[in-house]
Amino acid sequence: MQRLRQVAWLLFVVAATGSLSLPAKAVGPEPAPLAQPVELTVGYQKVGHLAPVILIADDLKKLGVNLKLVEFVRYADARTALLAGSLDAASVGPADLAISLAQGSTNVVGLMGVGSSPKYVIGRDGVKFDSWSDLKGKKIAIAPGSAVWFQFAATLVENGIPYNSFQAVNIQGGGANFDQALKKGEVDGLVTWEPFESIPVMGGYGFFAKGLEYGSSKAVGSELGMFMTTKTAVDSKRAAIERFVWAYLKKQEELAKSPTAFADAYAQLSGMAPDVAAQASKIIKLGEVISPDQIKRQAKGFADLGVIQKDVSDQIDAHWDGTFVDKALGK
């Protein structure tokens, strides 16, 4: 019975937020193959909104691009590898462009967002989380500096909730560690990411705290991630990056049109059970919602809070290149 209630809530979330979104513009014609093959090394994470990335290697090979994927547990680790020159591109957090610039890394270039979803604190079964005031005195598992932490922290500020009103429990490692802490009763709630939000819900030991939604703050917004590259890679491998963006958007378009295909890809990427993947995928809207203006608001907001070293909002336009997406869409 508990499992049925949790599934019903998942379906309610889907109904309230809409089904999988289709990209606003159809992807343009397939680009011509490169005259000589080029290897492109891309960092990624096993999260549902990045499902297209594991399905495009064959398409890219036909276009003369040999895709080499490198898995990372955290966005921050992929960002570090990108800045170190180990990657040509990487999926990172929506705030990572601003973070990189604030740290003095002026080689970075933002390419595109990937998707959005509502974000709820995951409460432990039996614990009251009806409103933000219910955070008081609770133990909340967080990953400080993560993309979801930025969303959560911004929402607390906008709702006037002191960060010290609850006990923040820093969890190291992957999302499975969050779920284990919740299951064991070590924490009262989680601020995490899919599929580690849906797993406790489907497992019957957690629930979506629908009164504690933190994915729609003015400062951060609902974007789940973004692809970032470097000026070095743009200068040396522009044509390969263009084909990567085209292939990614093409596959994203296909998955957005087919909930079954998206769920299958999600399960393949994450290793989740098919039923969990099927439910978790319904919450995600594929397609970017991020924009340079949104990143500017992030940069200013978190500089004001002292989370990043300085306000770099005036640098965002110079480090965002929307021409790759425009070309892929045939503009």
C-alpha atoms as a PDB file:
ATOM      1  CA  MET A   1       0.000   0.000   0.000  1.00  0.00           C
ATOM      2  CA  GLN A   2       2.817   2.379   0.892  1.00  0.00           C
ATOM      3  CA  ARG A   3       4.471   1.701  -2.472  1.00  0.00           C
ATOM      4  CA  LEU A   4       1.185   2.475  -4.264  1.00  0.00           C
ATOM      5  CA  ARG A   5       0.899   5.796  -2.441  1.00  0.00           C
ATOM      6  CA  GLN A   6       4.455   6.720  -3.421  1.00  0.00           C
ATOM      7  CA  VAL A   7       3.839   5.815  -7.065  1.00  0.00           C
ATOM      8  CA  ALA A   8       0.641   7.864  -6.978  1.00  0.00           C
ATOM      9  CA  TRP A   9       2.614  10.871  -5.755  1.00  0.00           C
ATOM     10  CA  LEU A  10       5.167  10.442  -8.514  1.00  0.00           C
ATOM     11  CA  LEU A  11       2.342  10.453 -11.035  1.00  0.00           C
ATOM     12  CA  PHE A  12       0.898  13.562  -9.384  1.00  0.00           C
ATOM     13  CA  VAL A  13       4.222  15.345  -9.809  1.00  0.00           C
ATOM     14  CA  VAL A  14       4.203  14.446 -13.488  1.00  0.00           C
ATOM     15  CA  ALA A  15       0.652  15.677 -13.923  1.00  0.00           C
ATOM     16  CA  ALA A  16       1.407  18.932 -12.125  1.00  0.00           C
ATOM     17  CA  THR A  17       4.553  19.732 -14.058  1.00  0.00           C
ATOM     18  CA  GLY A  18       3.690  18.320 -17.469  1.00  0.00           C
ATOM     19  CA  SER A  19       5.085  15.358 -19.339  1.00  0.00           C
ATOM     20  CA  LEU A  20       8.433  15.231 -21.047  1.00  0.00           C
ATOM     21  CA  SER A  21       9.071  18.504 -22.799  1.00  0.00           C
ATOM     22  CA  LEU A  22       9.993  18.640 -26.438  1.00  0.00           C
ATOM     23  CA  PRO A  23      12.838  20.877 -27.522  1.00  0.00           C
ATOM     24  CA  ALA A  24      11.493  24.256 -28.585  1.00  0.00           C
ATOM     25  CA  LYS A  25      13.059  23.970 -32.032  1.00  0.00           C
ATOM     26  CA  ALA A  26      13.510  20.939 -34.254  1.00  0.00           C
ATOM     27  CA  VAL A  27      17.070  19.822 -34.889  1.00  0.00           C
ATOM     28  CA  GLY A  28      18.447  20.766 -38.303  1.00  0.00           C
ATOM     29  CA  PRO A  29      19.892  18.561 -41.049  1.00  0.00           C
ATOM     30  CA  GLU A  30      22.711  16.132 -40.339  1.00  0.00           C
ATOM     31  CA  PRO A  31      26.113  17.785 -40.817  1.00  0.00           C
ATOM     32  CA  ALA A  32      28.640  16.416 -43.272  1.00  0.00           C
ATOM     33  CA  PRO A  33      31.272  13.958 -41.980  1.00  0.00           C
ATOM     34  CA  LEU A  34      34.685  15.363 -41.144  1.00  0.00           C
ATOM     35  CA  ALA A  35      37.430  14.725 -43.679  1.00  0.00           C
ATOM     36  CA  GLN A  36      39.658  13.290 -40.948  1.00  0.00           C
ATOM     37  CA  PRO A  37      38.477  11.627 -37.709  1.00  0.00           C
ATOM     38  CA  VAL A  38      38.751  13.691 -34.529  1.00  0.00           C
ATOM     39  CA  GLU A  39      38.662  12.320 -30.988  1.00  0.00           C
ATOM     40  CA  LEU A  40      36.466  14.210 -28.556  1.00  0.00           C
ATOM     41  CA  THR A  41      36.783  13.467 -24.829  1.00  0.00           C
ATOM     42  CA  VAL A  42      33.673  14.329 -22.850  1.00  0.00           C
ATOM     43  CA  GLY A  43      33.031  14.013 -19.125  1.00  0.00           C
ATOM     44  CA  TYR A  44      29.590  12.989 -17.905  1.00  0.00           C
ATOM     45  CA  GLN A  45      27.655  11.663 -14.903  1.00  0.00           C
ATOM     46  CA  LYS A  46      25.128   8.852 -14.557  1.00  0.00           C
ATOM     47  CA  VAL A  47      22.081  11.072 -14.177  1.00  0.00           C
ATOM     48  CA  GLY A  48      18.874  10.779 -16.163  1.00  0.00           C
ATOM     49  CA  HIS A  49      18.892  14.179 -17.830  1.00  0.00           C
ATOM     50  CA  LEU A  50      22.165  13.199 -19.539  1.00  0.00           C
ATOM     51  CA  ALA A  51      20.787   9.975 -21.011  1.00  0.00           C
ATOM     52  CA  PRO A  52      21.349  11.103 -24.639  1.00  0.00           C
ATOM     53  CA  VAL A  53      25.117  11.195 -24.154  1.00  0.00           C
ATOM     54  CA  ILE A  54      25.489   7.406 -23.953  1.00  0.00           C
ATOM     55  CA  LEU A  55      23.516   6.854 -27.162  1.00  0.00           C
ATOM     56  CA  ILE A  56      25.334   9.041 -29.671  1.00  0.00           C
ATOM     57  CA  ALA A  57      28.748   7.404 -30.178  1.00  0.00           C
ATOM     58  CA  ASP A  58      27.715   5.508 -33.319  1.00  0.00           C
ATOM     59  CA  ASP A  59      26.080   8.564 -34.875  1.00  0.00           C
ATOM     60  CA  LEU A  60      29.171  10.626 -34.170  1.00  0.00           C
ATOM     61  CA  LYS A  61      31.477   8.005 -35.601  1.00  0.00           C
ATOM     62  CA  LYS A  62      29.625   8.296 -38.916  1.00  0.00           C
ATOM     63  CA  LEU A  63      30.332  12.031 -38.762  1.00  0.00           C
ATOM     64  CA  GLY A  64      34.033  11.534 -38.185  1.00  0.00           C
ATOM     65  CA  VAL A  65      34.020  12.099 -34.423  1.00  0.00           C
ATOM     66  CA  ASN A  66      35.340   9.409 -32.079  1.00  0.00           C
ATOM     67  CA  LEU A  67      33.565  10.052 -28.791  1.00  0.00           C
ATOM     68  CA  LYS A  68      35.440   9.091 -25.642  1.00  0.00           C
ATOM     69  CA  LEU A  69      33.248   9.299 -22.549  1.00  0.00           C
ATOM     70  CA  VAL A  70      34.757   9.671 -19.082  1.00  0.00           C
ATOM     71  CA  GLU A  71      32.467   9.077 -16.108  1.00  0.00           C
ATOM     72  CA  PHE A  72      32.535  11.304 -13.029  1.00  0.00           C
ATOM     73  CA  VAL A  73      30.498  11.005  -9.849  1.00  0.00           C
ATOM     74  CA  ARG A  74      30.198  14.752  -9.298  1.00  0.00           C
ATOM     75  CA  TYR A  75      29.831  17.786 -11.515  1.00  0.00           C
ATOM     76  CA  ALA A  76      32.673  19.427  -9.584  1.00  0.00           C
ATOM     77  CA  ASP A  77      35.092  16.644 -10.499  1.00  0.00           C
ATOM     78  CA  ALA A  78      34.203  16.956 -14.189  1.00  0.00           C
ATOM     79  CA  ARG A  79      34.687  20.723 -13.966  1.00  0.00           C
ATOM     80  CA  THR A  80      38.118  20.246 -12.417  1.00  0.00           C
ATOM     81  CA  ALA A  81      39.159  17.809 -15.154  1.00  0.00           C
ATOM     82  CA  LEU A  82      37.905  20.180 -17.854  1.00  0.00           C
ATOM     83  CA  LEU A  83      39.817  23.112 -16.419  1.00  0.00           C
ATOM     84  CA  ALA A  84      42.929  20.941 -16.142  1.00  0.00           C
ATOM     85  CA  GLY A  85      42.766  20.223 -19.881  1.00  0.00           C
ATOM     86  CA  SER A  86      41.934  16.525 -19.519  1.00  0.00           C
ATOM     87  CA  LEU A  87      38.587  16.903 -21.301  1.00  0.00           C
ATOM     88  CA  ASP A  88      37.318  18.687 -24.390  1.00  0.00           C
ATOM     89  CA  ALA A  89      33.852  19.174 -22.880  1.00  0.00           C
ATOM     90  CA  ALA A  90      31.943  18.113 -19.791  1.00  0.00           C
ATOM     91  CA  SER A  91      28.503  18.095 -18.242  1.00  0.00           C
ATOM     92  CA  VAL A  92      28.684  20.329 -15.188  1.00  0.00           C
ATOM     93  CA  GLY A  93      26.373  22.162 -12.828  1.00  0.00           C
ATOM     94  CA  PRO A  94      24.434  25.252 -13.903  1.00  0.00           C
ATOM     95  CA  ALA A  95      26.577  27.398 -11.591  1.00  0.00           C
ATOM     96  CA  ASP A  96      29.906  25.972 -12.749  1.00  0.00           C
ATOM     97  CA  LEU A  97      30.508  28.605 -15.422  1.00  0.00           C
ATOM     98  CA  ALA A  98      30.271  31.346 -12.809  1.00  0.00           C
ATOM     99  CA  ILE A  99      32.314  29.315 -10.312  1.00  0.00           C
ATOM    100  CA  SER A 100      35.075  28.739 -12.869  1.00  0.00           C
ATOM    101  CA  LEU A 101      35.254  32.413 -13.809  1.00  0.00           C
ATOM    102  CA  ALA A 102      35.271  33.476 -10.164  1.00  0.00           C
ATOM    103  CA  GLN A 103      38.261  31.178  -9.640  1.00  0.00           C
ATOM    104  CA  GLY A 104      40.097  32.921 -12.471  1.00  0.00           C
ATOM    105  CA  SER A 105      39.622  30.221 -15.142  1.00  0.00           C
ATOM    106  CA  THR A 106      38.926  32.333 -18.210  1.00  0.00           C
ATOM    107  CA  ASN A 107      39.304  29.442 -20.683  1.00  0.00           C
ATOM    108  CA  VAL A 108      35.751  28.181 -20.122  1.00  0.00           C
ATOM    109  CA  VAL A 109      32.843  28.373 -22.555  1.00  0.00           C
ATOM    110  CA  GLY A 110      29.214  27.486 -21.797  1.00  0.00           C
ATOM    111  CA  LEU A 111      27.453  25.523 -24.554  1.00  0.00           C
ATOM    112  CA  MET A 112      23.931  24.481 -23.577  1.00  0.00           C
ATOM    113  CA  GLY A 113      21.646  23.286 -20.818  1.00  0.00           C
ATOM    114  CA  VAL A 114      20.191  19.788 -20.718  1.00  0.00           C
ATOM    115  CA  GLY A 115      16.932  19.628 -18.792  1.00  0.00           C
ATOM    116  CA  SER A 116      14.834  20.599 -15.805  1.00  0.00           C
ATOM    117  CA  SER A 117      12.592  19.113 -13.151  1.00  0.00           C
ATOM    118  CA  PRO A 118      10.842  20.065  -9.926  1.00  0.00           C
ATOM    119  CA  LYS A 119      13.107  19.568  -6.913  1.00  0.00           C
ATOM    120  CA  TYR A 120      11.729  18.497  -3.554  1.00  0.00           C
ATOM    121  CA  VAL A 121      13.367  17.757  -0.236  1.00  0.00           C
ATOM    122  CA  ILE A 122      13.076  13.997   0.238  1.00  0.00           C
ATOM    123  CA  GLY A 123      11.695  13.318   3.696  1.00  0.00           C
ATOM    124  CA  ARG A 124      12.137  10.153   5.720  1.00  0.00           C
ATOM    125  CA  ASP A 125       8.882   8.245   6.087  1.00  0.00           C
ATOM    126  CA  GLY A 126       7.108   9.385   9.248  1.00  0.00           C
ATOM    127  CA  VAL A 127       8.893  12.749   9.524  1.00  0.00           C
ATOM    128  CA  LYS A 128       6.817  15.908   9.104  1.00  0.00           C
ATOM    129  CA  PHE A 129       7.830  18.152   6.205  1.00  0.00           C
ATOM    130  CA  ASP A 130       4.754  20.193   5.330  1.00  0.00           C
ATOM    131  CA  SER A 131       6.405  23.603   5.013  1.00  0.00           C
ATOM    132  CA  TRP A 132       9.830  25.226   5.131  1.00  0.00           C
ATOM    133  CA  SER A 133       9.416  25.901   8.855  1.00  0.00           C
ATOM    134  CA  ASP A 134       9.502  22.132   9.390  1.00  0.00           C
ATOM    135  CA  LEU A 135      13.215  22.144   8.572  1.00  0.00           C
ATOM    136  CA  LYS A 136      13.891  23.530  12.041  1.00  0.00           C
ATOM    137  CA  GLY A 137      15.934  21.109  14.112  1.00  0.00           C
ATOM    138  CA  LYS A 138      15.999  18.422  11.412  1.00  0.00           C
ATOM    139  CA  LYS A 139      19.058  16.630  10.048  1.00  0.00           C
ATOM    140  CA  ILE A 140      19.272  17.282   6.305  1.00  0.00           C
ATOM    141  CA  ALA A 141      21.770  15.460   4.108  1.00  0.00           C
ATOM    142  CA  ILE A 142      23.436  17.767   1.584  1.00  0.00           C
ATOM    143  CA  ALA A 143      26.314  17.795  -0.858  1.00  0.00           C
ATOM    144  CA  PRO A 144      27.809  21.265  -0.256  1.00  0.00           C
ATOM    145  CA  GLY A 145      28.695  23.103  -3.439  1.00  0.00           C
ATOM    146  CA  SER A 146      26.682  20.727  -5.638  1.00  0.00           C
ATOM    147  CA  ALA A 147      24.166  21.904  -8.233  1.00  0.00           C
ATOM    148  CA  VAL A 148      21.207  20.894  -6.050  1.00  0.00           C
ATOM    149  CA  TRP A 149      22.780  22.575  -3.028  1.00  0.00           C
ATOM    150  CA  PHE A 150      22.919  25.863  -4.952  1.00  0.00           C
ATOM    151  CA  GLN A 151      19.214  25.492  -5.783  1.00  0.00           C
ATOM    152  CA  PHE A 152      18.367  24.624  -2.176  1.00  0.00           C
ATOM    153  CA  ALA A 153      20.444  27.430  -0.638  1.00  0.00           C
ATOM    154  CA  ALA A 154      18.980  30.046  -2.983  1.00  0.00           C
ATOM    155  CA  THR A 155      15.453  28.921  -2.115  1.00  0.00           C
ATOM    156  CA  LEU A 156      16.181  29.161   1.604  1.00  0.00           C
ATOM    157  CA  VAL A 157      17.341  32.747   1.158  1.00  0.00           C
ATOM    158  CA  GLU A 158      14.281  33.679  -0.880  1.00  0.00           C
ATOM    159  CA  ASN A 159      12.005  32.131   1.759  1.00  0.00           C
ATOM    160  CA  GLY A 160      13.821  33.729   4.688  1.00  0.00           C
ATOM    161  CA  ILE A 161      14.870  30.390   6.223  1.00  0.00           C
ATOM    162  CA  PRO A 162      18.127  30.609   8.219  1.00  0.00           C
ATOM    163  CA  TYR A 163      20.638  28.008   7.100  1.00  0.00           C
ATOM    164  CA  ASN A 164      21.505  27.312  10.741  1.00  0.00           C
ATOM    165  CA  SER A 165      17.901  26.475  11.618  1.00  0.00           C
ATOM    166  CA  PHE A 166      18.571  22.836  10.715  1.00  0.00           C
ATOM    167  CA  GLN A 167      21.565  20.526  10.957  1.00  0.00           C
ATOM    168  CA  ALA A 168      23.250  20.165   7.578  1.00  0.00           C
ATOM    169  CA  VAL A 169      24.871  16.731   7.287  1.00  0.00           C
ATOM    170  CA  ASN A 170      27.573  16.633   4.624  1.00  0.00           C
ATOM    171  CA  ILE A 171      27.456  13.379   2.688  1.00  0.00           C
ATOM    172  CA  GLN A 172      30.518  12.310   0.737  1.00  0.00           C
ATOM    173  CA  GLY A 173      30.524  10.177  -2.401  1.00  0.00           C
ATOM    174  CA  GLY A 174      27.642   9.289  -4.696  1.00  0.00           C
ATOM    175  CA  GLY A 175      23.906   9.614  -4.272  1.00  0.00           C
ATOM    176  CA  ALA A 176      23.526   6.058  -2.964  1.00  0.00           C
ATOM    177  CA  ASN A 177      25.175   7.208   0.275  1.00  0.00           C
ATOM    178  CA  PHE A 178      22.368   9.736   0.759  1.00  0.00           C
ATOM    179  CA  ASP A 179      19.723   7.070   0.391  1.00  0.00           C
ATOM    180  CA  GLN A 180      21.473   4.750   2.816  1.00  0.00           C
ATOM    181  CA  ALA A 181      21.671   7.516   5.430  1.00  0.00           C
ATOM    182  CA  LEU A 182      17.944   8.136   5.064  1.00  0.00           C
ATOM    183  CA  LYS A 183      17.071   4.456   5.185  1.00  0.00           C
ATOM    184  CA  LYS A 184      19.127   3.943   8.349  1.00  0.00           C
ATOM    185  CA  GLY A 185      17.482   6.938  10.055  1.00  0.00           C
ATOM    186  CA  GLU A 186      20.743   8.875  10.253  1.00  0.00           C
ATOM    187  CA  VAL A 187      19.092  11.900   8.620  1.00  0.00           C
ATOM    188  CA  ASP A 188      15.545  13.211   8.415  1.00  0.00           C
ATOM    189  CA  GLY A 189      15.681  14.468   4.852  1.00  0.00           C
ATOM    190  CA  LEU A 190      17.763  14.671   1.680  1.00  0.00           C
ATOM    191  CA  VAL A 191      18.726  17.311  -0.834  1.00  0.00           C
ATOM    192  CA  THR A 192      19.922  15.133  -3.684  1.00  0.00           C
ATOM    193  CA  TRP A 193      19.398  14.321  -7.361  1.00  0.00           C
ATOM    194  CA  GLU A 194      17.786  11.689  -9.526  1.00  0.00           C
ATOM    195  CA  PRO A 195      17.671   8.737  -9.437  1.00  0.00           C
ATOM    196  CA  PHE A 196      18.434   9.045  -5.725  1.00  0.00           C
ATOM    197  CA  GLU A 197      15.280  11.067  -5.122  1.00  0.00           C
ATOM    198  CA  SER A 198      12.933   8.473  -6.578  1.00  0.00           C
ATOM    199  CA  ILE A 199      14.677   5.433  -5.068  1.00  0.00           C
ATOM    200  CA  PRO A 200      13.590   6.146  -1.438  1.00  0.00           C
ATOM    201  CA  VAL A 201      10.098   7.019  -2.663  1.00  0.00           C
ATOM    202  CA  MET A 202       9.764   3.798  -4.637  1.00  0.00           C
ATOM    203  CA  GLY A 203      11.384   1.892  -1.777  1.00  0.00           C
ATOM    204  CA  GLY A 204       8.769   3.092   0.700  1.00  0.00           C
ATOM    205  CA  TYR A 205      11.130   4.781   3.170  1.00  0.00           C
ATOM    206  CA  GLY A 206      11.000   8.308   1.764  1.00  0.00           C
ATOM    207  CA  PHE A 207       8.584  10.799   0.227  1.00  0.00           C
ATOM    208  CA  PHE A 208       8.598  13.948  -1.859  1.00  0.00           C
ATOM    209  CA  ALA A 209       8.023  16.844   0.552  1.00  0.00           C
ATOM    210  CA  LYS A 210       5.762  18.717  -1.853  1.00  0.00           C
ATOM    211  CA  GLY A 211       5.704  21.840   0.331  1.00  0.00           C
ATOM    212  CA  LEU A 212       9.496  22.144   0.098  1.00  0.00           C
ATOM    213  CA  GLU A 213      10.127  22.672  -3.607  1.00  0.00           C
ATOM    214  CA  TYR A 214      13.496  24.289  -4.308  1.00  0.00           C
ATOM    215  CA  GLY A 215      13.920  24.039  -8.084  1.00  0.00           C
ATOM    216  CA  SER A 216      12.321  27.343  -9.031  1.00  0.00           C
ATOM    217  CA  SER A 217      14.277  30.030  -7.220  1.00  0.00           C
ATOM    218  CA  LYS A 218      14.763  33.310  -9.035  1.00  0.00           C
ATOM    219  CA  ALA A 219      18.530  33.177  -8.548  1.00  0.00           C
ATOM    220  CA  VAL A 220      19.240  29.624  -9.740  1.00  0.00           C
ATOM    221  CA  GLY A 221      16.194  28.325 -11.601  1.00  0.00           C
ATOM    222  CA  SER A 222      15.288  24.774 -12.573  1.00  0.00           C
ATOM    223  CA  GLU A 223      18.115  23.820 -14.956  1.00  0.00           C
ATOM    224  CA  LEU A 224      19.660  20.476 -13.973  1.00  0.00           C
ATOM    225  CA  GLY A 225      23.011  20.831 -15.717  1.00  0.00           C
ATOM    226  CA  MET A 226      24.887  22.155 -18.706  1.00  0.00           C
ATOM    227  CA  PHE A 227      27.672  21.291 -21.087  1.00  0.00           C
ATOM    228  CA  MET A 228      30.790  23.373 -20.883  1.00  0.00           C
ATOM    229  CA  THR A 229      33.899  23.376 -23.061  1.00  0.00           C
ATOM    230  CA  THR A 230      37.061  25.454 -23.289  1.00  0.00           C
ATOM    231  CA  LYS A 231      38.305  28.099 -25.679  1.00  0.00           C
ATOM    232  CA  THR A 232      41.215  25.771 -26.413  1.00  0.00           C
ATOM    233  CA  ALA A 233      38.848  23.017 -27.540  1.00  0.00           C
ATOM    234  CA  VAL A 234      36.702  25.443 -29.529  1.00  0.00           C
ATOM    235  CA  ASP A 235      39.777  26.691 -31.388  1.00  0.00           C
ATOM    236  CA  SER A 236      41.174  23.231 -32.117  1.00  0.00           C
ATOM    237  CA  LYS A 237      38.036  21.051 -32.402  1.00  0.00           C
ATOM    238  CA  ARG A 238      35.166  23.359 -33.309  1.00  0.00           C
ATOM    239  CA  ALA A 239      33.811  21.100 -36.052  1.00  0.00           C
ATOM    240  CA  ALA A 240      33.828  18.076 -33.738  1.00  0.00           C
ATOM    241  CA  ILE A 241      32.032  20.010 -30.982  1.00  0.00           C
ATOM    242  CA  GLU A 242      29.443  21.187 -33.516  1.00  0.00           C
ATOM    243  CA  ARG A 243      28.724  17.582 -34.433  1.00  0.00           C
ATOM    244  CA  PHE A 244      28.600  16.551 -30.786  1.00  0.00           C
ATOM    245  CA  VAL A 245      25.992  19.233 -30.050  1.00  0.00           C
ATOM    246  CA  TRP A 246      23.972  18.241 -33.126  1.00  0.00           C
ATOM    247  CA  ALA A 247      24.040  14.519 -32.245  1.00  0.00           C
ATOM    248  CA  TYR A 248      23.179  15.213 -28.602  1.00  0.00           C
ATOM    249  CA  LEU A 249      20.220  17.454 -29.471  1.00  0.00           C
ATOM    250  CA  LYS A 250      19.005  14.976 -32.091  1.00  0.00           C
ATOM    251  CA  LYS A 251      18.998  12.126 -29.584  1.00  0.00           C
ATOM    252  CA  GLN A 252      17.485  14.369 -26.922  1.00  0.00           C
ATOM    253  CA  GLU A 253      14.669  15.192 -29.330  1.00  0.00           C
ATOM    254  CA  GLU A 254      14.056  11.486 -29.975  1.00  0.00           C
ATOM    255  CA  LEU A 255      13.963  10.618 -26.270  1.00  0.00           C
ATOM    256  CA  ALA A 256      11.681  13.547 -25.472  1.00  0.00           C
ATOM    257  CA  LYS A 257       9.181  12.207 -27.997  1.00  0.00           C
ATOM    258  CA  SER A 258       9.242   8.681 -26.555  1.00  0.00           C
ATOM    259  CA  PRO A 259       8.781   8.208 -22.791  1.00  0.00           C
ATOM    260  CA  THR A 260       9.548   4.499 -23.194  1.00  0.00           C
ATOM    261  CA  ALA A 261      12.823   5.141 -25.002  1.00  0.00           C
ATOM    262  CA  PHE A 262      13.806   7.741 -22.413  1.00  0.00           C
ATOM    263  CA  ALA A 263      13.030   5.385 -19.536  1.00  0.00           C
ATOM    264  CA  ASP A 264      15.065   2.615 -21.194  1.00  0.00           C
ATOM    265  CA  ALA A 265      17.996   4.970 -21.740  1.00  0.00           C
ATOM    266  CA  TYR A 266      17.724   6.196 -18.138  1.00  0.00           C
ATOM    267  CA  ALA A 267      17.854   2.623 -16.847  1.00  0.00           C
ATOM    268  CA  GLN A 268      20.816   1.827 -19.111  1.00  0.00           C
ATOM    269  CA  LEU A 269      22.705   4.899 -17.958  1.00  0.00           C
ATOM    270  CA  SER A 270      22.030   4.644 -14.234  1.00  0.00           C
ATOM    271  CA  GLY A 271      21.732   0.897 -13.718  1.00  0.00           C
ATOM    272  CA  MET A 272      18.375   1.432 -12.003  1.00  0.00           C
ATOM    273  CA  ALA A 273      15.591  -1.099 -12.019  1.00  0.00           C
ATOM    274  CA  PRO A 274      13.321  -0.474 -15.028  1.00  0.00           C
ATOM    275  CA  ASP A 275      10.273   0.418 -12.900  1.00  0.00           C
ATOM    276  CA  VAL A 276      12.218   3.040 -10.944  1.00  0.00           C
ATOM    277  CA  ALA A 277      13.709   4.458 -14.133  1.00  0.00           C
ATOM    278  CA  ALA A 278      10.278   4.620 -15.738  1.00  0.00           C
ATOM    279  CA  GLN A 279       8.877   6.691 -12.875  1.00  0.00           C
ATOM    280  CA  ALA A 280      11.948   8.890 -12.353  1.00  0.00           C
ATOM    281  CA  SER A 281      12.173   9.754 -16.039  1.00  0.00           C
ATOM    282  CA  LYS A 282       8.622  11.101 -16.050  1.00  0.00           C
ATOM    283  CA  ILE A 283       9.633  13.953 -13.758  1.00  0.00           C
ATOM    284  CA  ILE A 284      12.426  15.196 -16.024  1.00  0.00           C
ATOM    285  CA  LYS A 285      11.840  17.615 -18.880  1.00  0.00           C
ATOM    286  CA  LEU A 286      14.528  17.221 -21.495  1.00  0.00           C
ATOM    287  CA  GLY A 287      15.747  20.419 -23.125  1.00  0.00           C
ATOM    288  CA  GLU A 288      17.629  23.397 -21.796  1.00  0.00           C
ATOM    289  CA  VAL A 289      15.990  26.130 -19.765  1.00  0.00           C
ATOM    290  CA  ILE A 290      19.191  27.916 -18.787  1.00  0.00           C
ATOM    291  CA  SER A 291      20.229  31.216 -20.350  1.00  0.00           C
ATOM    292  CA  PRO A 292      23.082  33.700 -19.946  1.00  0.00           C
ATOM    293  CA  ASP A 293      20.726  35.965 -17.985  1.00  0.00           C
ATOM    294  CA  GLN A 294      19.957  33.150 -15.540  1.00  0.00           C
ATOM    295  CA  ILE A 295      23.669  32.470 -15.069  1.00  0.00           C
ATOM    296  CA  LYS A 296      24.242  36.171 -14.426  1.00  0.00           C
ATOM    297  CA  ARG A 297      21.630  36.077 -11.660  1.00  0.00           C
ATOM    298  CA  GLN A 298      23.370  33.039 -10.166  1.00  0.00           C
ATOM    299  CA  ALA A 299      26.757  34.761 -10.318  1.00  0.00           C
ATOM    300  CA  LYS A 300      25.519  37.903  -8.603  1.00  0.00           C
ATOM    301  CA  GLY A 301      23.342  36.142  -6.070  1.00  0.00           C
ATOM    302  CA  PHE A 302      26.034  33.787  -4.827  1.00  0.00           C
ATOM    303  CA  ALA A 303      28.703  36.461  -4.824  1.00  0.00           C
ATOM    304  CA  ASP A 304      26.418  38.544  -2.602  1.00  0.00           C
ATOM    305  CA  LEU A 305      26.111  35.549  -0.272  1.00  0.00           C
ATOM    306  CA  GLY A 306      29.858  34.963  -0.279  1.00  0.00           C
ATOM    307  CA  VAL A 307      29.479  31.481  -1.778  1.00  0.00           C
ATOM    308  CA  ILE A 308      31.721  32.354  -4.724  1.00  0.00           C
ATOM    309  CA  GLN A 309      34.691  34.679  -4.519  1.00  0.00           C
ATOM    310  CA  LYS A 310      33.430  37.574  -6.629  1.00  0.00           C
ATOM    311  CA  ASP A 311      30.636  38.725  -8.891  1.00  0.00           C
ATOM    312  CA  VAL A 312      31.455  37.695 -12.458  1.00  0.00           C
ATOM    313  CA  SER A 313      28.050  38.419 -13.960  1.00  0.00           C
ATOM    314  CA  ASP A 314      29.622  40.943 -16.335  1.00  0.00           C
ATOM    315  CA  GLN A 315      31.809  38.163 -17.812  1.00  0.00           C
ATOM    316  CA  ILE A 316      29.078  35.630 -18.622  1.00  0.00           C
ATOM    317  CA  ASP A 317      28.191  36.884 -22.108  1.00  0.00           C
ATOM    318  CA  ALA A 318      31.824  36.616 -23.215  1.00  0.00           C
ATOM    319  CA  HIS A 319      31.955  32.989 -22.024  1.00  0.00           C
ATOM    320  CA  TRP A 320      28.658  31.700 -23.395  1.00  0.00           C
ATOM    321  CA  ASP A 321      28.546  30.544 -26.994  1.00  0.00           C
ATOM    322  CA  GLY A 322      25.047  29.853 -28.261  1.00  0.00           C
ATOM    323  CA  THR A 323      26.188  29.483 -31.870  1.00  0.00           C
ATOM    324  CA  PHE A 324      26.737  25.729 -31.467  1.00  0.00           C
ATOM    325  CA  VAL A 325      23.083  25.148 -30.571  1.00  0.00           C
ATOM    326  CA  ASP A 326      21.930  27.636 -33.226  1.00  0.00           C
ATOM    327  CA  LYS A 327      23.873  25.784 -35.911  1.00  0.00           C
ATOM    328  CA  ALA A 328      22.540  22.411 -34.738  1.00  0.00           C
ATOM    329  CA  LEU A 329      19.006  23.805 -35.032  1.00  0.00           C
ATOM    330  CA  GLY A 330      19.685  24.991 -38.552  1.00  0.00           C
ATOM    331  CA  LYS A 331      19.600  28.685 -37.722  1.00  0.00           C
END
